């Protein structure tokens, strides 16, 4: 006896730019263009997905679709159906978007000393990110969606106060950008300020660049 969870539904609240959202949605659910347009305009659900029973790859595809919609400017609201056997009724509840996006959190261990973009960086857990430092190439200026970061061990200091950089960093002429705890702080601050809306990649980029220039978080107002 109790609550049984059914499908997760995705709705779009800002419908003016529906043409940007259609190809993203269609790639995921293969509905007709007319059906997708009608659902967007009517603020009906554009995606229904069995998140609770989906395999890992399907979940990642679902999360990637949500992120693409957010990056295109969509304001998303998600719901789930719940069926209560004791009361024999079904109710629909809103669920936090952030709780869904975190289902795609990945282990940092597979991304050490390889190029990662900010879209990947924000998926790492705070605990793991804090353990490493972020490095960039010597021609780095500001963060954009194509900026490549490299995660490696922190810089050490020997008994003579000389900085000892990791071998990979030295061999590839990389420069330190941020310690991991600063990066995770910027990510967390961006999420906190924009809650309950989920930040876009551009939101993270703005906060990273502002912190790099002013040594403080951007006020999203």
Protein backbone atom coordinates (compact mmCIF):
# COMPACT_ATOMS: atom_id res chain seq x y z
CA UNK A 1 0.00 0.00 0.00
CA UNK A 2 1.22 3.53 -0.70
CA UNK A 3 2.37 5.80 -3.47
CA UNK A 4 3.25 4.43 -6.87
CA UNK A 5 5.23 6.73 -9.17
CA UNK A 6 4.41 6.99 -12.84
CA UNK A 7 5.78 9.06 -15.70
CA UNK A 8 7.82 12.23 -15.51
CA UNK A 9 6.37 15.02 -17.66
CA UNK A 10 8.21 18.03 -19.08
CA UNK A 11 6.42 21.29 -19.91
CA UNK A 12 7.76 24.54 -21.35
CA UNK A 13 6.46 27.78 -19.85
CA UNK A 14 7.89 30.36 -22.28
CA UNK A 15 6.41 29.49 -25.66
CA UNK A 16 7.46 32.46 -27.83
CA UNK A 17 10.58 30.77 -29.19
CA UNK A 18 8.98 27.39 -29.77
CA UNK A 19 10.76 26.95 -33.11
CA UNK A 20 14.09 26.58 -31.28
CA UNK A 21 12.69 23.88 -29.02
CA UNK A 22 11.01 21.68 -31.63
CA UNK A 23 14.13 19.98 -33.13
CA UNK A 24 15.51 19.25 -29.65
CA UNK A 25 12.27 17.62 -28.53
CA UNK A 26 11.73 15.74 -31.77
CA UNK A 27 15.21 14.21 -31.56
CA UNK A 28 14.20 12.69 -28.24
CA UNK A 29 10.61 11.57 -28.75
CA UNK A 30 10.19 11.56 -32.57
CA UNK A 31 6.72 13.15 -32.38
CA UNK A 32 5.40 15.04 -35.38
CA UNK A 33 6.28 18.72 -35.77
CA UNK A 34 2.63 19.74 -35.50
CA UNK A 35 2.08 17.75 -32.30
CA UNK A 36 5.19 19.18 -30.66
CA UNK A 37 4.24 22.73 -31.64
CA UNK A 38 0.71 22.29 -30.32
CA UNK A 39 1.97 20.89 -27.00
CA UNK A 40 4.45 23.74 -26.56
CA UNK A 41 1.95 26.47 -27.40
CA UNK A 42 -0.68 24.92 -25.11
CA UNK A 43 1.88 24.39 -22.33
CA UNK A 44 1.04 20.71 -22.37
CA UNK A 45 3.77 18.16 -21.70
CA UNK A 46 6.24 17.91 -24.56
CA UNK A 47 8.05 14.89 -23.14
CA UNK A 48 6.82 12.01 -21.01
CA UNK A 49 9.49 9.68 -19.70
CA UNK A 50 9.63 6.71 -17.34
CA UNK A 51 12.64 8.00 -15.42
CA UNK A 52 12.32 5.51 -12.57
CA UNK A 53 12.69 2.42 -14.75
CA UNK A 54 14.95 3.79 -17.51
CA UNK A 55 18.47 2.47 -18.02
CA UNK A 56 21.53 4.69 -17.55
CA UNK A 57 21.95 5.61 -21.21
CA UNK A 58 18.28 6.57 -21.56
CA UNK A 59 18.49 8.72 -18.43
CA UNK A 60 21.54 10.49 -19.79
CA UNK A 61 19.78 11.14 -23.08
CA UNK A 62 16.80 12.53 -21.17
CA UNK A 63 19.00 14.80 -19.03
CA UNK A 64 20.96 15.92 -22.10
CA UNK A 65 17.67 16.85 -23.79
CA UNK A 66 16.61 18.92 -20.78
CA UNK A 67 19.99 20.68 -20.75
CA UNK A 68 19.73 21.44 -24.48
CA UNK A 69 16.28 22.95 -23.96
CA UNK A 70 17.58 25.06 -21.08
CA UNK A 71 20.53 26.23 -23.17
CA UNK A 72 18.06 27.23 -25.90
CA UNK A 73 16.24 29.42 -23.37
CA UNK A 74 13.38 27.14 -22.32
CA UNK A 75 11.89 27.53 -18.85
CA UNK A 76 10.98 24.01 -17.80
CA UNK A 77 8.59 22.66 -15.20
CA UNK A 78 8.53 18.95 -14.46
CA UNK A 79 5.75 16.87 -12.94
CA UNK A 80 5.25 13.29 -11.87
CA UNK A 81 2.10 11.26 -11.50
CA UNK A 82 1.64 9.52 -8.16
CA UNK A 83 -0.95 6.86 -7.51
CA UNK A 84 -2.02 6.29 -3.92
CA UNK A 85 -3.45 2.79 -3.50
CA UNK A 86 -4.87 3.55 -0.07
CA UNK A 87 -6.94 6.46 -1.43
CA UNK A 88 -7.35 4.98 -4.91
CA UNK A 89 -6.54 8.28 -6.61
CA UNK A 90 -3.86 9.80 -8.78
CA UNK A 91 -2.25 13.18 -8.22
CA UNK A 92 0.31 15.18 -10.14
CA UNK A 93 3.17 16.83 -8.29
CA UNK A 94 5.84 19.26 -9.44
CA UNK A 95 9.38 17.98 -8.98
CA UNK A 96 12.57 20.08 -8.72
CA UNK A 97 14.42 20.26 -12.01
CA UNK A 98 17.77 20.18 -10.20
CA UNK A 99 16.98 16.76 -8.73
CA UNK A 100 16.64 15.39 -12.27
CA UNK A 101 19.79 17.00 -13.60
CA UNK A 102 21.80 15.50 -10.75
CA UNK A 103 20.88 12.01 -11.96
CA UNK A 104 23.49 12.59 -14.67
CA UNK A 105 26.27 13.40 -12.20
CA UNK A 106 29.37 11.54 -13.35
CA UNK A 107 32.55 10.41 -11.68
CA UNK A 108 35.50 12.71 -12.20
CA UNK A 109 37.92 9.76 -12.32
CA UNK A 110 37.29 9.17 -16.03
CA UNK A 111 38.02 12.81 -16.86
CA UNK A 112 41.43 13.43 -15.30
CA UNK A 113 44.11 14.86 -17.63
CA UNK A 114 41.74 14.91 -20.61
CA UNK A 115 40.03 17.98 -22.09
CA UNK A 116 36.60 18.74 -20.63
CA UNK A 117 34.21 21.58 -21.41
CA UNK A 118 32.19 23.53 -18.89
CA UNK A 119 29.06 21.54 -19.75
CA UNK A 120 30.86 18.45 -18.42
CA UNK A 121 32.55 20.27 -15.56
CA UNK A 122 29.28 21.26 -13.87
CA UNK A 123 28.22 17.60 -13.65
CA UNK A 124 31.03 16.53 -11.35
CA UNK A 125 30.25 16.12 -7.67
CA UNK A 126 31.46 18.90 -5.38
CA UNK A 127 33.41 16.43 -3.25
CA UNK A 128 35.41 15.05 -6.17
CA UNK A 129 35.97 18.41 -7.83
CA UNK A 130 37.43 19.80 -4.61
CA UNK A 131 40.18 17.17 -4.76
CA UNK A 132 41.73 18.55 -7.95
CA UNK A 133 42.76 21.77 -9.67
CA UNK A 134 41.67 23.17 -13.03
CA UNK A 135 44.29 23.97 -15.64
CA UNK A 136 44.02 25.77 -18.98
CA UNK A 137 46.25 26.30 -22.00
CA UNK A 138 48.66 29.23 -22.03
CA UNK A 139 46.56 31.16 -24.57
CA UNK A 140 43.47 31.13 -22.33
CA UNK A 141 41.61 34.45 -22.00
CA UNK A 142 38.02 33.91 -20.86
CA UNK A 143 35.68 30.96 -20.46
CA UNK A 144 33.26 30.13 -23.26
CA UNK A 145 31.30 27.02 -24.13
CA UNK A 146 34.27 25.59 -26.07
CA UNK A 147 36.96 26.30 -23.48
CA UNK A 148 38.95 23.19 -22.59
CA UNK A 149 39.82 22.53 -18.95
CA UNK A 150 42.16 19.89 -17.62
CA UNK A 151 41.81 18.36 -14.16
CA UNK A 152 44.92 17.26 -12.36
CA UNK A 153 46.46 17.21 -8.88
CA UNK A 154 46.99 20.42 -6.94
CA UNK A 155 50.26 22.34 -7.15
CA UNK A 156 52.60 21.33 -4.33
CA UNK A 157 55.26 23.42 -2.62
CA UNK A 158 58.63 21.98 -1.59
CA UNK A 159 60.77 22.88 1.41
CA UNK A 160 62.29 25.81 -0.50
CA UNK A 161 58.89 27.25 -1.40
CA UNK A 162 59.19 26.16 -5.02
CA UNK A 163 55.92 25.32 -6.74
CA UNK A 164 55.82 21.78 -8.09
CA UNK A 165 53.29 21.30 -10.88
CA UNK A 166 51.98 17.87 -11.89
CA UNK A 167 53.98 16.21 -14.66
CA UNK A 168 51.08 16.29 -17.15
CA UNK A 169 50.61 20.03 -16.58
CA UNK A 170 54.30 20.77 -17.13
CA UNK A 171 54.61 18.58 -20.21
CA UNK A 172 51.63 20.25 -21.86
CA UNK A 173 52.55 23.82 -20.88
CA UNK A 174 49.31 24.31 -18.94
CA UNK A 175 48.55 27.05 -16.43
CA UNK A 176 46.49 26.87 -13.29
CA UNK A 177 43.04 28.41 -13.56
CA UNK A 178 41.18 27.64 -10.31
CA UNK A 179 41.50 25.22 -7.45
CA UNK A 180 38.65 22.74 -7.48
CA UNK A 181 36.99 24.15 -4.38
CA UNK A 182 36.70 27.56 -6.04
CA UNK A 183 35.21 25.99 -9.18
CA UNK A 184 32.69 23.97 -7.17
CA UNK A 185 31.87 27.11 -5.18
CA UNK A 186 31.08 29.03 -8.37
CA UNK A 187 28.93 26.16 -9.63
CA UNK A 188 27.06 25.90 -6.34
CA UNK A 189 26.59 29.67 -6.09
CA UNK A 190 25.12 29.82 -9.58
CA UNK A 191 22.62 27.08 -8.76
CA UNK A 192 21.72 28.67 -5.43
CA UNK A 193 21.09 32.13 -6.89
CA UNK A 194 18.96 30.90 -9.77
CA UNK A 195 16.99 28.28 -7.80
CA UNK A 196 14.38 26.99 -8.61
CA UNK A 197 15.34 27.69 -12.22
CA UNK A 198 18.15 25.47 -13.45
CA UNK A 199 21.17 27.47 -14.70
CA UNK A 200 22.13 27.35 -18.34
CA UNK A 201 25.69 26.83 -19.51
CA UNK A 202 25.85 30.56 -20.20
CA UNK A 203 24.91 31.30 -16.58
CA UNK A 204 27.86 29.23 -15.35
CA UNK A 205 30.14 30.90 -17.89
CA UNK A 206 29.13 34.38 -16.70
CA UNK A 207 29.83 33.51 -13.07
CA UNK A 208 33.20 31.88 -13.85
CA UNK A 209 34.38 34.89 -15.85
CA UNK A 210 33.10 37.35 -13.25
CA UNK A 211 34.88 35.51 -10.43
CA UNK A 212 38.08 35.30 -12.47
CA UNK A 213 38.03 39.08 -13.01
CA UNK A 214 36.65 40.35 -9.70
CA UNK A 215 37.41 37.55 -7.21
CA UNK A 216 33.75 37.38 -6.18
CA UNK A 217 30.53 35.81 -7.41
CA UNK A 218 28.33 37.46 -10.00
CA UNK A 219 25.09 38.90 -8.60
CA UNK A 220 22.39 37.56 -10.95
CA UNK A 221 19.90 39.93 -9.31
